[in-house]
């Protein structure tokens, strides 16, 4: 004898209902499994993405590897192209190195990638609602140029700090400066001191004068609007200040010219 239940005018046996329930449960389980697998893959890719810069930092220690910046990659993707002529540290005018240090990071030889005094002061100002000011060291700027994006944010700064400290641990001070000066932007599609010296002044990086070096240094914070080869009165005034500081840099650059 078979027992039959009636629902909405349909005859359904208990065995059929149990089979339908099991099928529904199997479908739900497969969906949960698929979502779990997707999240695991996304997490794996995120971990790889976070780890990749640190792997590249180790690879970039080798002198014959010439890193490119995220802005260079952007220009390639957008089919713009760019000009970059790699120049070894020994072939860069010491006057440019002095000017860049005095303009961008006067404590370069004395910190391990981050100037904590300046950074803490900037954080305190931000918490008090005061206008933001720069506290990026040359290692922090290098990390940003190589691995991160340009727009300012606390997220970028949070990623920038450990990258700068890692790079400062792995690279020598000379290698850090060499990479920085070869990936820095000095105009639309102009990257590195080799291309910048030729584009703005028609000379190789080794022949830059004190004034030319100072003009290139003070244009770094905004190389699109500040044109070293055609400076306005304000840019010339800033260059004069940096030129004087560079002449007096002395012990500030011992880690590069010992």
Protein backbone atom coordinates (compact mmCIF):
# COMPACT_ATOMS: atom_id res chain seq x y z
CA UNK A 1 0.00 0.00 0.00
CA UNK A 2 1.33 3.47 -0.98
CA UNK A 3 0.48 6.53 1.10
CA UNK A 4 -0.12 9.68 -0.89
CA UNK A 5 -0.18 13.28 0.40
CA UNK A 6 -2.30 15.88 -1.39
CA UNK A 7 -1.04 19.46 -1.77
CA UNK A 8 -2.84 22.03 -3.90
CA UNK A 9 -4.54 19.32 -5.83
CA UNK A 10 -1.28 17.41 -6.62
CA UNK A 11 -0.40 13.93 -5.40
CA UNK A 12 3.20 13.83 -4.04
CA UNK A 13 4.76 10.79 -2.48
CA UNK A 14 7.14 11.28 0.52
CA UNK A 15 9.96 9.69 -1.49
CA UNK A 16 9.68 12.35 -4.24
CA UNK A 17 9.61 15.18 -1.70
CA UNK A 18 12.74 13.90 0.04
CA UNK A 19 14.55 13.65 -3.30
CA UNK A 20 13.60 17.24 -4.18
CA UNK A 21 14.81 18.47 -0.80
CA UNK A 22 18.14 16.68 -1.27
CA UNK A 23 18.54 18.22 -4.72
CA UNK A 24 17.85 21.70 -3.33
CA UNK A 25 20.40 21.14 -0.57
CA UNK A 26 22.98 19.95 -3.12
CA UNK A 27 22.43 23.06 -5.25
CA UNK A 28 22.80 25.32 -2.20
CA UNK A 29 25.96 23.47 -1.12
CA UNK A 30 27.49 23.85 -4.59
CA UNK A 31 26.71 27.56 -4.55
CA UNK A 32 28.34 27.99 -1.15
CA UNK A 33 31.35 25.98 -2.30
CA UNK A 34 31.65 28.10 -5.46
CA UNK A 35 31.50 31.34 -3.48
CA UNK A 36 34.06 30.02 -1.01
CA UNK A 37 36.38 29.05 -3.84
CA UNK A 38 36.00 32.49 -5.44
CA UNK A 39 36.86 34.27 -2.18
CA UNK A 40 39.88 32.01 -1.70
CA UNK A 41 41.14 32.83 -5.20
CA UNK A 42 40.61 36.55 -4.62
CA UNK A 43 42.46 36.35 -1.32
CA UNK A 44 45.31 34.47 -2.98
CA UNK A 45 45.61 37.09 -5.72
CA UNK A 46 45.55 39.86 -3.11
CA UNK A 47 48.37 38.20 -1.18
CA UNK A 48 50.40 37.78 -4.37
CA UNK A 49 49.80 41.43 -5.28
CA UNK A 50 50.93 42.58 -1.82
CA UNK A 51 54.01 40.33 -1.86
CA UNK A 52 55.14 41.17 -5.41
CA UNK A 53 56.71 44.58 -4.58
CA UNK A 54 58.85 42.98 -1.88
CA UNK A 55 60.06 40.33 -4.31
CA UNK A 56 60.89 43.05 -6.83
CA UNK A 57 62.78 45.01 -4.17
CA UNK A 58 65.13 42.05 -3.78
CA UNK A 59 65.54 41.71 -7.56
CA UNK A 60 66.17 45.43 -7.99
CA UNK A 61 69.23 45.18 -5.78
CA UNK A 62 71.09 43.85 -8.81
CA UNK A 63 72.79 46.75 -10.60
CA UNK A 64 72.07 45.67 -14.19
CA UNK A 65 68.30 45.61 -13.59
CA UNK A 66 66.73 48.95 -14.53
CA UNK A 67 63.31 49.29 -12.85
CA UNK A 68 60.40 51.13 -14.43
CA UNK A 69 57.78 53.17 -12.62
CA UNK A 70 54.02 52.73 -12.56
CA UNK A 71 53.72 55.99 -14.54
CA UNK A 72 55.95 54.55 -17.27
CA UNK A 73 53.78 51.44 -17.40
CA UNK A 74 50.70 53.67 -17.62
CA UNK A 75 52.19 55.54 -20.57
CA UNK A 76 52.92 52.25 -22.32
CA UNK A 77 49.39 50.95 -21.73
CA UNK A 78 47.95 54.21 -23.10
CA UNK A 79 50.30 53.96 -26.11
CA UNK A 80 51.91 57.29 -25.26
CA UNK A 81 55.47 56.07 -24.99
CA UNK A 82 58.11 57.77 -22.86
CA UNK A 83 61.75 58.85 -22.82
CA UNK A 84 64.07 57.36 -20.20
CA UNK A 85 67.83 56.96 -20.51
CA UNK A 86 69.27 55.01 -17.60
CA UNK A 87 72.32 56.68 -16.06
CA UNK A 88 74.51 54.98 -13.46
CA UNK A 89 75.09 56.82 -10.19
CA UNK A 90 78.73 57.52 -11.04
CA UNK A 91 77.66 59.31 -14.24
CA UNK A 92 75.22 61.68 -12.52
CA UNK A 93 76.44 65.16 -11.62
CA UNK A 94 77.12 65.33 -7.86
CA UNK A 95 75.57 68.80 -7.95
CA UNK A 96 72.25 67.27 -8.97
CA UNK A 97 72.45 64.69 -6.18
CA UNK A 98 73.20 67.43 -3.64
CA UNK A 99 70.37 69.62 -4.91
CA UNK A 100 67.83 66.79 -4.86
CA UNK A 101 68.81 65.80 -1.33
CA UNK A 102 68.59 69.36 -0.04
CA UNK A 103 65.26 69.89 -1.77
CA UNK A 104 63.53 66.55 -1.13
CA UNK A 105 65.15 64.80 1.83
CA UNK A 106 67.82 66.61 3.84
CA UNK A 107 68.06 63.72 6.33
CA UNK A 108 68.53 61.08 3.63
CA UNK A 109 71.81 59.77 5.03
CA UNK A 110 70.48 59.55 8.59
CA UNK A 111 67.19 57.65 8.44
CA UNK A 112 66.17 54.12 7.51
CA UNK A 113 63.65 55.02 4.85
CA UNK A 114 61.21 57.07 6.93
CA UNK A 115 61.77 60.38 8.72
CA UNK A 116 59.58 59.59 11.73
CA UNK A 117 59.86 63.06 13.24
CA UNK A 118 58.48 64.71 10.10
CA UNK A 119 55.90 61.98 9.52
CA UNK A 120 54.53 62.20 13.05
CA UNK A 121 54.32 65.98 12.75
CA UNK A 122 52.30 65.64 9.53
CA UNK A 123 49.97 63.09 11.15
CA UNK A 124 49.42 65.40 14.12
CA UNK A 125 48.63 68.30 11.78
CA UNK A 126 46.16 66.16 9.84
CA UNK A 127 44.39 65.04 13.02
CA UNK A 128 44.08 68.68 14.08
CA UNK A 129 42.58 69.60 10.71
CA UNK A 130 45.55 71.64 9.52
CA UNK A 131 46.69 71.77 5.91
CA UNK A 132 48.67 68.74 4.76
CA UNK A 133 52.36 69.11 4.01
CA UNK A 134 54.84 66.68 2.56
CA UNK A 135 56.88 64.28 4.69
CA UNK A 136 57.88 61.80 2.01
CA UNK A 137 61.53 60.82 2.05
CA UNK A 138 63.40 59.79 -1.07
CA UNK A 139 62.88 56.08 -0.22
CA UNK A 140 59.15 56.71 0.23
CA UNK A 141 58.95 58.56 -3.08
CA UNK A 142 60.88 55.78 -4.77
CA UNK A 143 58.50 53.14 -3.39
CA UNK A 144 55.54 55.20 -4.59
CA UNK A 145 57.03 55.68 -8.05
CA UNK A 146 57.84 51.99 -8.48
CA UNK A 147 54.85 50.26 -6.92
CA UNK A 148 51.98 52.60 -6.05
CA UNK A 149 49.82 55.37 -7.47
CA UNK A 150 50.24 59.15 -7.44
CA UNK A 151 47.08 60.46 -5.76
CA UNK A 152 47.41 61.20 -2.05
CA UNK A 153 45.63 59.00 0.47
CA UNK A 154 46.24 57.46 3.87
CA UNK A 155 46.01 54.03 2.22
CA UNK A 156 48.86 54.82 -0.14
CA UNK A 157 50.92 56.26 2.70
CA UNK A 158 50.27 53.15 4.78
CA UNK A 159 51.58 50.95 1.97
CA UNK A 160 54.44 53.32 1.20
CA UNK A 161 56.05 53.24 4.64
CA UNK A 162 56.85 49.49 4.90
CA UNK A 163 57.95 49.42 1.25
CA UNK A 164 60.36 52.30 1.89
CA UNK A 165 61.76 50.59 4.98
CA UNK A 166 62.19 47.29 3.12
CA UNK A 167 63.92 48.98 0.18
CA UNK A 168 66.22 50.89 2.54
CA UNK A 169 67.17 47.61 4.20
CA UNK A 170 67.92 45.78 0.94
CA UNK A 171 69.45 48.56 -1.18
CA UNK A 172 72.49 50.68 -0.47
CA UNK A 173 72.07 54.44 -0.25
CA UNK A 174 73.75 54.79 -3.65
CA UNK A 175 71.47 52.22 -5.28
CA UNK A 176 68.41 53.92 -3.78
CA UNK A 177 69.46 57.31 -5.15
CA UNK A 178 70.35 55.81 -8.52
CA UNK A 179 66.91 54.21 -8.90
CA UNK A 180 65.11 57.33 -7.67
CA UNK A 181 66.88 59.63 -10.11
CA UNK A 182 66.20 57.22 -12.98
CA UNK A 183 62.45 56.81 -12.41
CA UNK A 184 61.50 60.31 -11.25
CA UNK A 185 59.19 62.22 -13.59
CA UNK A 186 60.52 65.50 -15.03
CA UNK A 187 57.78 66.36 -17.48
CA UNK A 188 55.16 64.61 -19.62
CA UNK A 189 56.78 61.39 -20.81
CA UNK A 190 60.18 62.45 -19.44
CA UNK A 191 61.57 60.06 -16.82
CA UNK A 192 64.96 59.92 -15.19
CA UNK A 193 67.77 62.42 -15.00
CA UNK A 194 69.31 61.33 -18.32
CA UNK A 195 66.23 62.21 -20.36
CA UNK A 196 65.54 65.28 -18.19
CA UNK A 197 69.02 66.76 -18.65
CA UNK A 198 68.84 66.31 -22.42
CA UNK A 199 65.23 67.52 -22.72
CA UNK A 200 65.47 70.63 -20.55
CA UNK A 201 69.10 71.70 -21.03
CA UNK A 202 70.59 69.69 -23.92
CA UNK A 203 73.40 68.24 -21.81
CA UNK A 204 74.17 64.78 -20.39
CA UNK A 205 73.41 64.14 -16.71
CA UNK A 206 77.11 64.28 -15.85
CA UNK A 207 77.43 67.86 -17.15
CA UNK A 208 74.57 69.50 -15.27
CA UNK A 209 75.59 72.79 -13.65
CA UNK A 210 74.72 73.86 -10.14
CA UNK A 211 71.85 76.09 -11.35
CA UNK A 212 70.50 73.45 -13.76
CA UNK A 213 70.63 70.86 -10.98
CA UNK A 214 68.76 73.14 -8.61
CA UNK A 215 66.07 73.84 -11.22
CA UNK A 216 65.55 70.12 -11.82
CA UNK A 217 65.39 69.49 -8.06
CA UNK A 218 62.73 72.11 -7.32
CA UNK A 219 60.58 70.95 -10.25
CA UNK A 220 60.25 67.41 -8.82
CA UNK A 221 57.17 68.06 -6.63
CA UNK A 222 55.13 69.10 -9.68
CA UNK A 223 57.03 68.34 -12.90
CA UNK A 224 54.02 68.93 -15.14
CA UNK A 225 53.52 72.56 -14.08
CA UNK A 226 57.10 73.33 -13.08
CA UNK A 227 59.32 73.33 -16.17
CA UNK A 228 63.01 73.30 -15.30
CA UNK A 229 64.05 74.39 -18.79
CA UNK A 230 61.68 77.38 -18.81
CA UNK A 231 61.45 78.50 -15.18
CA UNK A 232 59.30 81.35 -14.00
CA UNK A 233 60.41 83.87 -11.38
CA UNK A 234 59.11 81.76 -8.49
CA UNK A 235 60.90 78.64 -9.69
CA UNK A 236 64.15 80.55 -10.16
CA UNK A 237 63.86 81.90 -6.62
CA UNK A 238 63.35 78.40 -5.19
CA UNK A 239 66.27 77.13 -7.26
CA UNK A 240 68.49 79.84 -5.81
CA UNK A 241 67.65 78.71 -2.27
CA UNK A 242 68.37 75.05 -3.09
CA UNK A 243 71.58 75.96 -4.90
CA UNK A 244 72.88 77.67 -1.76
CA UNK A 245 71.87 74.74 0.42
CA UNK A 246 73.57 72.30 -1.95
CA UNK A 247 76.85 74.21 -1.72
CA UNK A 248 76.67 73.88 2.08
CA UNK A 249 75.50 70.24 2.15
CA UNK A 250 78.87 68.91 3.33
CA UNK A 251 78.30 66.11 5.84
CA UNK A 252 74.72 65.57 4.72
CA UNK A 253 75.91 63.59 1.70
CA UNK A 254 78.69 61.50 3.25
CA UNK A 255 76.71 58.27 2.74
CA UNK A 256 76.94 58.77 -1.03
CA UNK A 257 80.43 60.22 -1.47
CA UNK A 258 82.51 58.70 1.29
